Every structure is written in C-alpha cells, then in structure tokens.
Amino acid sequence: KIVKDIWPGSDDYGDGNNGYPQELFAADGALYFNARDGIHGEELWRSDGTIAGTKMLKDLYPGWDDSSPATMAQIGDTLMFSARTLSSGIEWWSLDLNSLTTDADCNYFPILTPSGKMSVICL
C-alpha cells in the first residue's frame, strides 16, 4: 500500500504526479530519502511509515530547484548526506538524530550547515 502521496494530483495528461522518492536510507528507526512534492524540488524527507509521519525536513534549495540530498550514511547518532544549495554548491551536511525535542506542532532537529552554522529544522 502507498504510504503517502507526496505529490498529489495529476499532470496535464491525467497521469498521477510523481514524488520520485529515491536515495532511500534507514537510520534511527526512520527512512530518509529525497523526493519532490510539486512545490519544492528534490529535498530531504523523513518517514516513520505513516502518512502523518512522512514529511519534508527542509527546503535546502528554496523553491522548485533541487538540493538533491544523496550519499546518506549514519555515523553514530549523525546522519550525513550531500546536498546542493545556491550559496555553497554541493557540500556535506549533518543531522543529529538524537537532538529531538518536541513541541505541540513540531519536532525540532538542529542541523549543521555547510558553513558550520547551526540551524533548526521542524519535523
């Protein structure tokens, strides 16, 4: 059965749109992958196997352009992956898998940007 229709609707020919989930990587009880939703390009997603738990983590390359997260690996409690941004090109990124704090609407993960600055993504 389909977990989630990431890019709902159909194209001009009546065919279903394609979310193109790829670069699948299992880490810390979840599946990380890149996909497109019709609003954003190929971005990093996370799924726990449910509709509600399948979400885009962050639009690293804002808009329709692709950050194309790939080459994912887990090193200890960190998910490492390559991704492309306008300002940095293709660089290594990291996601701390244990820094999960909950809020009414979000789970927050700190993320280290290619320039070494910390940012937060809402999951």
C-alpha atoms as a PDB file:
ATOM      1  CA  LYS A   1       0.000   0.000   0.000  1.00  0.00           C
ATOM      2  CA  ILE A   2       1.150   3.554  -0.622  1.00  0.00           C
ATOM      3  CA  VAL A   3       2.489   5.283   2.493  1.00  0.00           C
ATOM      4  CA  LYS A   4       1.830   8.854   1.321  1.00  0.00           C
ATOM      5  CA  ASP A   5       1.048  10.567  -1.963  1.00  0.00           C
ATOM      6  CA  ILE A   6       3.897  13.074  -1.737  1.00  0.00           C
ATOM      7  CA  TRP A   7       2.891  14.925  -4.911  1.00  0.00           C
ATOM      8  CA  PRO A   8      -0.899  14.574  -5.107  1.00  0.00           C
ATOM      9  CA  GLY A   9      -2.983  15.250  -8.193  1.00  0.00           C
ATOM     10  CA  SER A  10      -2.359  14.524 -11.840  1.00  0.00           C
ATOM     11  CA  ASP A  11      -0.460  16.069 -14.715  1.00  0.00           C
ATOM     12  CA  ASP A  12      -1.935  17.607 -17.878  1.00  0.00           C
ATOM     13  CA  TYR A  13      -2.376  14.121 -19.368  1.00  0.00           C
ATOM     14  CA  GLY A  14      -4.359  12.727 -16.420  1.00  0.00           C
ATOM     15  CA  ASP A  15      -1.450  10.653 -15.133  1.00  0.00           C
ATOM     16  CA  GLY A  16      -0.562  10.782 -11.440  1.00  0.00           C
ATOM     17  CA  ASN A  17       2.236  13.145 -10.466  1.00  0.00           C
ATOM     18  CA  ASN A  18       5.453  11.504  -9.310  1.00  0.00           C
ATOM     19  CA  GLY A  19       7.100  12.335  -5.992  1.00  0.00           C
ATOM     20  CA  TYR A  20      10.154  10.347  -7.201  1.00  0.00           C
ATOM     21  CA  PRO A  21      11.279   9.115  -3.770  1.00  0.00           C
ATOM     22  CA  GLN A  22      14.879   7.935  -4.100  1.00  0.00           C
ATOM     23  CA  GLU A  23      18.198   7.726  -2.243  1.00  0.00           C
ATOM     24  CA  LEU A  24      16.420   5.719   0.487  1.00  0.00           C
ATOM     25  CA  PHE A  25      18.366   5.319   3.726  1.00  0.00           C
ATOM     26  CA  ALA A  26      17.177   3.788   7.010  1.00  0.00           C
ATOM     27  CA  ALA A  27      18.540   5.380  10.197  1.00  0.00           C
ATOM     28  CA  ASP A  28      17.371   5.555  13.789  1.00  0.00           C
ATOM     29  CA  GLY A  29      14.033   3.821  13.132  1.00  0.00           C
ATOM     30  CA  ALA A  30      13.042   6.057  10.201  1.00  0.00           C
ATOM     31  CA  LEU A  31      13.512   6.231   6.455  1.00  0.00           C
ATOM     32  CA  TYR A  32      15.291   9.260   4.990  1.00  0.00           C
ATOM     33  CA  PHE A  33      15.026   9.976   1.268  1.00  0.00           C
ATOM     34  CA  ASN A  34      14.768  12.712  -1.315  1.00  0.00           C
ATOM     35  CA  ALA A  35      11.512  13.500  -3.087  1.00  0.00           C
ATOM     36  CA  ARG A  36       9.617  16.339  -4.731  1.00  0.00           C
ATOM     37  CA  ASP A  37       6.112  17.486  -3.808  1.00  0.00           C
ATOM     38  CA  GLY A  38       5.224  19.782  -6.721  1.00  0.00           C
ATOM     39  CA  ILE A  39       6.084  22.915  -4.713  1.00  0.00           C
ATOM     40  CA  HIS A  40       9.713  22.163  -3.852  1.00  0.00           C
ATOM     41  CA  GLY A  41      12.449  20.458  -5.808  1.00  0.00           C
ATOM     42  CA  GLU A  42      14.145  17.251  -4.606  1.00  0.00           C
ATOM     43  CA  GLU A  43      14.561  17.778  -0.867  1.00  0.00           C
ATOM     44  CA  LEU A  44      15.270  15.696   2.246  1.00  0.00           C
ATOM     45  CA  TRP A  45      12.262  13.823   3.645  1.00  0.00           C
ATOM     46  CA  ARG A  46      11.736  11.542   6.641  1.00  0.00           C
ATOM     47  CA  SER A  47       9.127   8.826   7.131  1.00  0.00           C
ATOM     48  CA  ASP A  48       8.170   6.657  10.067  1.00  0.00           C
ATOM     49  CA  GLY A  49       5.939   4.621   7.729  1.00  0.00           C
ATOM     50  CA  THR A  50       2.742   6.617   8.372  1.00  0.00           C
ATOM     51  CA  ILE A  51       1.017   9.389   6.422  1.00  0.00           C
ATOM     52  CA  ALA A  52       1.368  11.861   9.315  1.00  0.00           C
ATOM     53  CA  GLY A  53       4.982  10.851   9.924  1.00  0.00           C
ATOM     54  CA  THR A  54       6.128  11.379   6.313  1.00  0.00           C
ATOM     55  CA  LYS A  55       7.320  14.974   5.954  1.00  0.00           C
ATOM     56  CA  MET A  56       9.855  17.116   4.161  1.00  0.00           C
ATOM     57  CA  LEU A  57      12.568  18.116   6.629  1.00  0.00           C
ATOM     58  CA  LYS A  58      13.769  21.318   4.991  1.00  0.00           C
ATOM     59  CA  ASP A  59      13.811  23.069   1.653  1.00  0.00           C
ATOM     60  CA  LEU A  60      17.606  23.421   1.460  1.00  0.00           C
ATOM     61  CA  TYR A  61      17.472  24.906  -2.048  1.00  0.00           C
ATOM     62  CA  PRO A  62      14.344  27.099  -1.790  1.00  0.00           C
ATOM     63  CA  GLY A  63      11.660  26.918  -4.426  1.00  0.00           C
ATOM     64  CA  TRP A  64      11.474  24.463  -7.303  1.00  0.00           C
ATOM     65  CA  ASP A  65      15.260  23.973  -7.510  1.00  0.00           C
ATOM     66  CA  ASP A  66      16.706  20.669  -6.234  1.00  0.00           C
ATOM     67  CA  SER A  67      19.063  20.261  -3.290  1.00  0.00           C
ATOM     68  CA  SER A  68      19.187  16.571  -4.310  1.00  0.00           C
ATOM     69  CA  PRO A  69      20.176  15.017  -0.958  1.00  0.00           C
ATOM     70  CA  ALA A  70      22.213  11.883  -1.616  1.00  0.00           C
ATOM     71  CA  THR A  71      25.044   9.660  -0.400  1.00  0.00           C
ATOM     72  CA  MET A  72      23.465   9.255   3.053  1.00  0.00           C
ATOM     73  CA  ALA A  73      25.299   7.478   5.851  1.00  0.00           C
ATOM     74  CA  GLN A  74      24.801   7.142   9.569  1.00  0.00           C
ATOM     75  CA  ILE A  75      27.858   7.735  11.736  1.00  0.00           C
ATOM     76  CA  GLY A  76      26.937   7.177  15.358  1.00  0.00           C
ATOM     77  CA  ASP A  77      23.997   9.457  16.097  1.00  0.00           C
ATOM     78  CA  THR A  78      24.509  11.602  12.992  1.00  0.00           C
ATOM     79  CA  LEU A  79      23.020  11.315   9.518  1.00  0.00           C
ATOM     80  CA  MET A  80      25.498  12.598   6.935  1.00  0.00           C
ATOM     81  CA  PHE A  81      24.415  13.474   3.396  1.00  0.00           C
ATOM     82  CA  SER A  82      25.428  15.581   0.445  1.00  0.00           C
ATOM     83  CA  ALA A  83      23.129  18.345  -0.779  1.00  0.00           C
ATOM     84  CA  ARG A  84      23.261  21.333  -3.102  1.00  0.00           C
ATOM     85  CA  THR A  85      22.467  24.952  -2.255  1.00  0.00           C
ATOM     86  CA  LEU A  86      22.754  28.129  -4.281  1.00  0.00           C
ATOM     87  CA  SER A  87      25.371  29.629  -1.966  1.00  0.00           C
ATOM     88  CA  SER A  88      27.518  26.538  -1.319  1.00  0.00           C
ATOM     89  CA  GLY A  89      27.100  24.206  -4.265  1.00  0.00           C
ATOM     90  CA  ILE A  90      27.242  20.506  -3.331  1.00  0.00           C
ATOM     91  CA  GLU A  91      28.567  20.021   0.206  1.00  0.00           C
ATOM     92  CA  TRP A  92      28.332  17.621   3.169  1.00  0.00           C
ATOM     93  CA  TRP A  93      25.521  18.202   5.661  1.00  0.00           C
ATOM     94  CA  SER A  94      24.829  16.584   9.039  1.00  0.00           C
ATOM     95  CA  LEU A  95      21.687  15.890  11.023  1.00  0.00           C
ATOM     96  CA  ASP A  96      21.893  14.973  14.735  1.00  0.00           C
ATOM     97  CA  LEU A  97      19.459  12.077  15.148  1.00  0.00           C
ATOM     98  CA  ASN A  98      19.344  12.344  18.959  1.00  0.00           C
ATOM     99  CA  SER A  99      18.615  16.053  19.379  1.00  0.00           C
ATOM    100  CA  LEU A 100      14.878  15.637  19.141  1.00  0.00           C
ATOM    101  CA  THR A 101      12.752  17.943  21.286  1.00  0.00           C
ATOM    102  CA  THR A 102       9.003  18.099  20.907  1.00  0.00           C
ATOM    103  CA  ASP A 103       6.598  20.974  20.672  1.00  0.00           C
ATOM    104  CA  ALA A 104       2.833  20.997  20.087  1.00  0.00           C
ATOM    105  CA  ASP A 105       3.320  21.141  16.302  1.00  0.00           C
ATOM    106  CA  CYS A 106       6.937  20.221  15.607  1.00  0.00           C
ATOM    107  CA  ASN A 107       9.864  18.064  16.485  1.00  0.00           C
ATOM    108  CA  TYR A 108      12.996  20.205  16.229  1.00  0.00           C
ATOM    109  CA  PHE A 109      16.324  18.925  14.913  1.00  0.00           C
ATOM    110  CA  PRO A 110      19.481  21.024  14.919  1.00  0.00           C
ATOM    111  CA  ILE A 111      21.327  20.851  11.618  1.00  0.00           C
ATOM    112  CA  LEU A 112      24.866  21.973  10.787  1.00  0.00           C
ATOM    113  CA  THR A 113      25.004  23.940   7.547  1.00  0.00           C
ATOM    114  CA  PRO A 114      27.982  23.665   5.162  1.00  0.00           C
ATOM    115  CA  SER A 115      29.351  26.951   6.508  1.00  0.00           C
ATOM    116  CA  GLY A 116      29.449  25.457  10.017  1.00  0.00           C
ATOM    117  CA  LYS A 117      26.475  27.407  11.378  1.00  0.00           C
ATOM    118  CA  MET A 118      23.726  25.678  13.334  1.00  0.00           C
ATOM    119  CA  SER A 119      20.166  25.890  12.073  1.00  0.00           C
ATOM    120  CA  VAL A 120      16.947  24.222  13.202  1.00  0.00           C
ATOM    121  CA  ILE A 121      14.502  22.253  11.101  1.00  0.00           C
ATOM    122  CA  CYS A 122      10.927  21.435  12.057  1.00  0.00           C
ATOM    123  CA  LEU A 123       9.907  17.834  11.557  1.00  0.00           C
END
